[in-house]
Amino acid sequence: MDAWPTGAAVIADDIVTITLAGLTRTLPTTDLDADRAAVQHHIAAWARHLDRPITVTVTDQDGSWTIAIDPDGATHPRTRRKRR
């Protein structure tokens, strides 16, 4: 199970929708690379506030990925915690 809050971002239909901790933010799209960067920037700001990575599922025209975004903005594939 991932730590709260987990997020979701959808880039589609001329809008970027980011949902995190029950809050939704929408942004107009520009191009796919800029839209992905906007999601990364927004989630990283929350990660800095919480001082830990945040897991987010990003969906766009190329598919869907679950990644972790660190407070410094670095991204990496989400890793599952091992159960004891």
C-alpha atoms as a PDB file:
ATOM      1  CA  MET A   1       0.000   0.000   0.000  1.00  0.00           C
ATOM      2  CA  ASP A   2       1.324   3.451  -0.867  1.00  0.00           C
ATOM      3  CA  ALA A   3       1.525   6.241   1.673  1.00  0.00           C
ATOM      4  CA  TRP A   4      -1.160   8.913   1.623  1.00  0.00           C
ATOM      5  CA  PRO A   5      -1.632  10.897  -0.493  1.00  0.00           C
ATOM      6  CA  THR A   6      -1.428   9.105  -3.796  1.00  0.00           C
ATOM      7  CA  GLY A   7      -2.168  11.147  -6.864  1.00  0.00           C
ATOM      8  CA  ALA A   8      -3.516  10.856 -10.362  1.00  0.00           C
ATOM      9  CA  ALA A   9      -2.839  12.990 -13.397  1.00  0.00           C
ATOM     10  CA  VAL A  10      -4.663  12.786 -16.706  1.00  0.00           C
ATOM     11  CA  ILE A  11      -3.477  14.629 -19.794  1.00  0.00           C
ATOM     12  CA  ALA A  12      -6.301  14.549 -22.343  1.00  0.00           C
ATOM     13  CA  ASP A  13      -8.833  16.620 -24.236  1.00  0.00           C
ATOM     14  CA  ASP A  14      -6.888  19.904 -24.054  1.00  0.00           C
ATOM     15  CA  ILE A  15      -6.661  19.792 -20.253  1.00  0.00           C
ATOM     16  CA  VAL A  16      -4.342  18.452 -17.571  1.00  0.00           C
ATOM     17  CA  THR A  17      -6.189  17.232 -14.477  1.00  0.00           C
ATOM     18  CA  ILE A  18      -4.136  16.599 -11.340  1.00  0.00           C
ATOM     19  CA  THR A  19      -5.836  15.076  -8.301  1.00  0.00           C
ATOM     20  CA  LEU A  20      -4.014  14.761  -4.987  1.00  0.00           C
ATOM     21  CA  ALA A  21      -5.292  14.560  -1.409  1.00  0.00           C
ATOM     22  CA  GLY A  22      -8.852  15.151  -2.551  1.00  0.00           C
ATOM     23  CA  LEU A  23      -7.917  18.353  -4.383  1.00  0.00           C
ATOM     24  CA  THR A  24      -8.159  18.695  -8.141  1.00  0.00           C
ATOM     25  CA  ARG A  25      -6.252  21.209 -10.222  1.00  0.00           C
ATOM     26  CA  THR A  26      -6.764  21.698 -13.937  1.00  0.00           C
ATOM     27  CA  LEU A  27      -4.351  23.305 -16.356  1.00  0.00           C
ATOM     28  CA  PRO A  28      -4.659  23.985 -20.075  1.00  0.00           C
ATOM     29  CA  THR A  29      -2.471  21.748 -22.210  1.00  0.00           C
ATOM     30  CA  THR A  30       0.372  23.051 -24.310  1.00  0.00           C
ATOM     31  CA  ASP A  31       2.348  20.096 -25.598  1.00  0.00           C
ATOM     32  CA  LEU A  32       2.899  16.654 -24.120  1.00  0.00           C
ATOM     33  CA  ASP A  33       6.406  17.320 -22.782  1.00  0.00           C
ATOM     34  CA  ALA A  34       5.341  20.579 -21.121  1.00  0.00           C
ATOM     35  CA  ASP A  35       2.221  18.918 -19.715  1.00  0.00           C
ATOM     36  CA  ARG A  36       4.272  16.109 -18.182  1.00  0.00           C
ATOM     37  CA  ALA A  37       6.689  18.678 -16.738  1.00  0.00           C
ATOM     38  CA  ALA A  38       3.758  20.592 -15.211  1.00  0.00           C
ATOM     39  CA  VAL A  39       2.518  17.435 -13.488  1.00  0.00           C
ATOM     40  CA  GLN A  40       6.031  16.694 -12.234  1.00  0.00           C
ATOM     41  CA  HIS A  41       6.448  20.247 -10.918  1.00  0.00           C
ATOM     42  CA  HIS A  42       3.063  20.264  -9.144  1.00  0.00           C
ATOM     43  CA  ILE A  43       3.560  16.879  -7.454  1.00  0.00           C
ATOM     44  CA  ALA A  44       7.167  17.723  -6.502  1.00  0.00           C
ATOM     45  CA  ALA A  45       5.922  20.845  -4.695  1.00  0.00           C
ATOM     46  CA  TRP A  46       3.645  18.653  -2.582  1.00  0.00           C
ATOM     47  CA  ALA A  47       6.485  16.167  -2.033  1.00  0.00           C
ATOM     48  CA  ARG A  48       8.674  19.022  -0.744  1.00  0.00           C
ATOM     49  CA  HIS A  49       5.884  20.095   1.590  1.00  0.00           C
ATOM     50  CA  LEU A  50       5.515  16.543   2.951  1.00  0.00           C
ATOM     51  CA  ASP A  51       9.290  15.858   2.786  1.00  0.00           C
ATOM     52  CA  ARG A  52       8.866  12.514   1.025  1.00  0.00           C
ATOM     53  CA  PRO A  53       8.143  11.050  -2.400  1.00  0.00           C
ATOM     54  CA  ILE A  54       4.566  10.917  -3.653  1.00  0.00           C
ATOM     55  CA  THR A  55       3.171   8.137  -5.807  1.00  0.00           C
ATOM     56  CA  VAL A  56       1.153   9.276  -8.797  1.00  0.00           C
ATOM     57  CA  THR A  57      -0.463   7.502 -11.736  1.00  0.00           C
ATOM     58  CA  VAL A  58      -0.038   9.525 -14.915  1.00  0.00           C
ATOM     59  CA  THR A  59      -2.238   8.807 -17.928  1.00  0.00           C
ATOM     60  CA  ASP A  60      -1.771  10.412 -21.328  1.00  0.00           C
ATOM     61  CA  GLN A  61      -2.045   9.530 -25.004  1.00  0.00           C
ATOM     62  CA  ASP A  62       0.897   7.112 -24.710  1.00  0.00           C
ATOM     63  CA  GLY A  63      -0.492   5.045 -21.822  1.00  0.00           C
ATOM     64  CA  SER A  64      -0.509   4.986 -18.048  1.00  0.00           C
ATOM     65  CA  TRP A  65       2.370   4.781 -15.555  1.00  0.00           C
ATOM     66  CA  THR A  66       2.630   4.734 -11.787  1.00  0.00           C
ATOM     67  CA  ILE A  67       5.704   6.618 -10.644  1.00  0.00           C
ATOM     68  CA  ALA A  68       7.120   8.221  -7.528  1.00  0.00           C
ATOM     69  CA  ILE A  69       8.090  11.887  -7.625  1.00  0.00           C
ATOM     70  CA  ASP A  70      10.704  13.010  -5.090  1.00  0.00           C
ATOM     71  CA  PRO A  71      10.829  16.392  -3.352  1.00  0.00           C
ATOM     72  CA  ASP A  72      13.623  17.440  -5.741  1.00  0.00           C
ATOM     73  CA  GLY A  73      11.442  16.555  -8.745  1.00  0.00           C
ATOM     74  CA  ALA A  74      13.254  13.328  -9.658  1.00  0.00           C
ATOM     75  CA  THR A  75      10.988  10.565 -10.909  1.00  0.00           C
ATOM     76  CA  HIS A  76      11.349   6.811 -10.703  1.00  0.00           C
ATOM     77  CA  PRO A  77       9.133   3.767 -11.112  1.00  0.00           C
ATOM     78  CA  ARG A  78       7.074   3.092  -8.039  1.00  0.00           C
ATOM     79  CA  THR A  79       8.405   0.227  -5.970  1.00  0.00           C
ATOM     80  CA  ARG A  80       6.150  -1.921  -3.873  1.00  0.00           C
ATOM     81  CA  ARG A  81       6.897  -2.340  -0.194  1.00  0.00           C
ATOM     82  CA  LYS A  82       7.509  -5.890   0.879  1.00  0.00           C
ATOM     83  CA  ARG A  83       5.101  -7.233   3.455  1.00  0.00           C
ATOM     84  CA  ARG A  84       6.603  -8.675   6.586  1.00  0.00           C
END
